[in-house]
């Protein structure tokens, strides 16, 4: 049975952050990383809430909690590098953003979110192979990284691999069934994959 929205809010109390755009994400707060065991337990709870959210509002709350927990995995120095890279990427300077993401990964190679941000920068400069390699690493480190699956789906669609794009997006929806715009996007991908199979 899925939890009611008030129960979901109580579950997420203490680590929920404002909801953000699907691929954009928030600026990362600068704070000390949490102990790995505690972080893993909190992430497991947040992902359970994400998977069982009763509606889109609950899904946004749970997504915000997951993103905040990811951001807490970064050391202050890495958070500063990622924030600068994100601002630069959003400002249309993906090449410069790559330098910040490279430095963040050098300092903290086990941070899946850093690999995902660098994948987006690689994609923005037209380096699909670099983007795909970074997405593979992000998903190796955190198989539940649904934004990486969404980005992978977009890359596969651009490469005219409709079946692969559909598979990746369905995997993202298994983790985050209330993904904003997910149902409409799934219909588009199903149509494209069915046309490819004909």
Protein backbone atom coordinates (compact mmCIF):
# COMPACT_ATOMS: atom_id res chain seq x y z
CA UNK A 1 0.00 0.00 0.00
CA UNK A 2 1.36 3.41 -0.94
CA UNK A 3 1.84 5.99 1.82
CA UNK A 4 -0.46 9.01 1.94
CA UNK A 5 1.13 12.37 1.21
CA UNK A 6 1.28 13.46 4.89
CA UNK A 7 3.03 10.19 5.78
CA UNK A 8 5.46 10.72 2.91
CA UNK A 9 6.17 14.25 4.13
CA UNK A 10 6.89 12.93 7.62
CA UNK A 11 9.22 10.28 6.19
CA UNK A 12 11.17 12.87 4.25
CA UNK A 13 11.30 15.44 7.07
CA UNK A 14 14.84 16.36 7.85
CA UNK A 15 16.35 15.99 4.41
CA UNK A 16 13.87 17.31 1.86
CA UNK A 17 15.00 20.19 -0.33
CA UNK A 18 13.09 22.32 -2.85
CA UNK A 19 12.03 20.44 -5.98
CA UNK A 20 14.15 21.07 -9.06
CA UNK A 21 14.03 20.58 -12.78
CA UNK A 22 14.41 17.01 -13.99
CA UNK A 23 17.96 17.30 -15.26
CA UNK A 24 18.98 20.62 -13.78
CA UNK A 25 19.16 19.86 -10.10
CA UNK A 26 19.84 22.35 -7.34
CA UNK A 27 23.02 24.17 -6.57
CA UNK A 28 24.90 21.95 -4.16
CA UNK A 29 25.00 23.05 -0.52
CA UNK A 30 28.50 23.32 0.90
CA UNK A 31 28.63 21.02 3.92
CA UNK A 32 30.55 18.11 5.35
CA UNK A 33 29.82 14.69 3.85
CA UNK A 34 27.71 12.36 5.98
CA UNK A 35 29.03 9.05 7.32
CA UNK A 36 28.72 6.47 4.51
CA UNK A 37 26.52 4.01 6.46
CA UNK A 38 24.10 6.69 7.60
CA UNK A 39 24.04 8.20 4.13
CA UNK A 40 23.25 4.82 2.58
CA UNK A 41 20.35 4.24 4.98
CA UNK A 42 18.93 7.70 4.29
CA UNK A 43 19.30 7.19 0.54
CA UNK A 44 17.54 3.82 0.73
CA UNK A 45 14.64 5.46 2.59
CA UNK A 46 14.47 8.32 0.09
CA UNK A 47 14.51 5.93 -2.88
CA UNK A 48 11.75 3.84 -1.28
CA UNK A 49 9.71 7.03 -0.89
CA UNK A 50 10.46 7.94 -4.51
CA UNK A 51 9.33 4.55 -5.79
CA UNK A 52 6.10 4.54 -3.73
CA UNK A 53 5.13 8.23 -4.00
CA UNK A 54 1.33 8.41 -4.28
CA UNK A 55 1.28 11.31 -6.75
CA UNK A 56 3.47 13.86 -8.55
CA UNK A 57 3.70 16.15 -5.51
CA UNK A 58 5.00 13.25 -3.43
CA UNK A 59 7.38 12.31 -6.24
CA UNK A 60 8.79 15.86 -6.32
CA UNK A 61 9.34 15.80 -2.55
CA UNK A 62 11.07 12.44 -2.67
CA UNK A 63 13.19 13.48 -5.67
CA UNK A 64 14.28 16.61 -3.83
CA UNK A 65 15.29 14.48 -0.85
CA UNK A 66 17.35 12.14 -3.05
CA UNK A 67 19.09 15.08 -4.74
CA UNK A 68 19.87 16.72 -1.42
CA UNK A 69 21.39 13.50 -0.10
CA UNK A 70 23.51 13.18 -3.24
CA UNK A 71 24.74 16.73 -2.71
CA UNK A 72 25.69 15.90 0.90
CA UNK A 73 28.10 13.26 -0.39
CA UNK A 74 30.37 16.00 -1.73
CA UNK A 75 33.11 17.58 0.36
CA UNK A 76 32.98 21.40 0.53
CA UNK A 77 35.77 21.73 -2.06
CA UNK A 78 34.04 19.36 -4.48
CA UNK A 79 30.67 21.07 -3.94
CA UNK A 80 32.26 24.43 -4.84
CA UNK A 81 33.78 22.98 -8.02
CA UNK A 82 30.50 21.36 -9.02
CA UNK A 83 28.52 24.53 -8.34
CA UNK A 84 30.89 26.55 -10.50
CA UNK A 85 30.77 23.92 -13.25
CA UNK A 86 26.97 23.80 -13.16
CA UNK A 87 26.73 27.61 -13.44
CA UNK A 88 29.22 27.60 -16.31
CA UNK A 89 27.40 24.76 -18.10
CA UNK A 90 24.06 26.53 -17.72
CA UNK A 91 25.75 29.68 -19.06
CA UNK A 92 26.55 27.86 -22.29
CA UNK A 93 30.27 27.33 -21.67
CA UNK A 94 30.42 23.54 -21.53
CA UNK A 95 34.13 23.40 -22.34
CA UNK A 96 34.99 25.50 -19.30
CA UNK A 97 32.55 23.51 -17.17
CA UNK A 98 34.41 20.32 -18.07
CA UNK A 99 37.50 21.62 -16.27
CA UNK A 100 35.58 22.05 -13.02
CA UNK A 101 33.92 18.65 -13.35
CA UNK A 102 37.29 17.03 -14.13
CA UNK A 103 38.74 18.57 -10.95
CA UNK A 104 35.73 17.46 -8.88
CA UNK A 105 36.07 13.88 -10.12
CA UNK A 106 39.80 13.91 -9.46
CA UNK A 107 39.11 14.90 -5.85
CA UNK A 108 36.07 12.65 -5.36
CA UNK A 109 35.98 9.85 -7.97
CA UNK A 110 33.18 7.97 -6.21
CA UNK A 111 30.61 10.77 -6.54
CA UNK A 112 28.09 9.56 -9.14
CA UNK A 113 26.50 12.99 -9.51
CA UNK A 114 29.84 14.51 -10.60
CA UNK A 115 30.13 11.92 -13.37
CA UNK A 116 26.58 12.72 -14.49
CA UNK A 117 27.29 16.46 -14.62
CA UNK A 118 30.46 15.83 -16.62
CA UNK A 119 28.48 13.58 -18.99
CA UNK A 120 26.11 16.48 -19.65
CA UNK A 121 29.06 18.77 -20.38
CA UNK A 122 30.57 16.19 -22.74
CA UNK A 123 27.23 15.91 -24.54
CA UNK A 124 26.98 19.70 -24.80
CA UNK A 125 30.35 19.89 -26.60
CA UNK A 126 29.35 17.03 -28.92
CA UNK A 127 31.46 14.31 -27.28
CA UNK A 128 28.89 11.50 -27.15
CA UNK A 129 31.48 8.83 -26.41
CA UNK A 130 32.80 10.77 -23.43
CA UNK A 131 29.24 11.36 -22.24
CA UNK A 132 28.35 7.66 -22.54
CA UNK A 133 31.51 6.63 -20.64
CA UNK A 134 30.71 9.06 -17.82
CA UNK A 135 27.10 7.86 -17.65
CA UNK A 136 28.29 4.26 -17.38
CA UNK A 137 30.51 5.24 -14.44
CA UNK A 138 27.71 7.22 -12.76
CA UNK A 139 25.42 4.21 -13.02
CA UNK A 140 28.13 1.83 -11.82
CA UNK A 141 28.57 3.97 -8.71
CA UNK A 142 24.81 4.53 -8.18
CA UNK A 143 22.57 2.21 -10.26
CA UNK A 144 19.53 4.20 -9.07
CA UNK A 145 20.80 7.48 -10.59
CA UNK A 146 17.63 8.16 -12.58
CA UNK A 147 18.87 11.46 -14.09
CA UNK A 148 21.80 9.56 -15.62
CA UNK A 149 19.32 7.08 -17.13
CA UNK A 150 17.27 9.96 -18.54
CA UNK A 151 20.39 11.54 -20.04
CA UNK A 152 21.42 8.16 -21.47
CA UNK A 153 17.96 7.80 -23.02
CA UNK A 154 18.34 11.23 -24.67
CA UNK A 155 21.77 10.31 -26.07
CA UNK A 156 20.41 7.04 -27.42
CA UNK A 157 17.49 8.85 -29.03
CA UNK A 158 19.88 11.33 -30.67
CA UNK A 159 21.87 8.36 -31.97
CA UNK A 160 18.60 6.97 -33.44
CA UNK A 161 18.56 4.02 -31.08
CA UNK A 162 14.87 4.21 -30.21
CA UNK A 163 14.78 0.79 -28.53
CA UNK A 164 17.77 1.66 -26.33
CA UNK A 165 16.26 5.05 -25.47
CA UNK A 166 13.03 3.34 -24.45
CA UNK A 167 14.86 0.76 -22.30
CA UNK A 168 16.84 3.44 -20.47
CA UNK A 169 13.80 5.61 -19.88
CA UNK A 170 11.77 2.67 -18.57
CA UNK A 171 14.63 1.91 -16.17
CA UNK A 172 14.45 5.53 -14.94
CA UNK A 173 10.69 5.21 -14.43
CA UNK A 174 11.14 2.03 -12.39
CA UNK A 175 13.20 4.10 -9.95
CA UNK A 176 11.10 7.29 -10.19
CA UNK A 177 7.57 6.37 -11.41
CA UNK A 178 6.34 9.96 -10.87
CA UNK A 179 9.08 11.53 -12.99
CA UNK A 180 7.67 14.87 -14.23
CA UNK A 181 6.54 14.47 -17.83
CA UNK A 182 7.44 10.79 -17.66
CA UNK A 183 4.18 9.36 -19.02
CA UNK A 184 4.18 11.62 -22.09
CA UNK A 185 7.85 10.96 -22.75
CA UNK A 186 7.29 7.21 -22.44
CA UNK A 187 4.49 7.37 -25.05
CA UNK A 188 6.80 9.21 -27.47
CA UNK A 189 9.56 6.66 -27.01
CA UNK A 190 7.18 3.71 -27.41
CA UNK A 191 5.91 5.19 -30.69
CA UNK A 192 9.47 5.74 -31.91
CA UNK A 193 10.57 2.22 -30.93
CA UNK A 194 7.53 0.66 -32.58
CA UNK A 195 8.29 2.58 -35.77
CA UNK A 196 11.91 1.41 -35.61
CA UNK A 197 10.80 -2.22 -35.27
CA UNK A 198 8.61 -2.06 -38.40
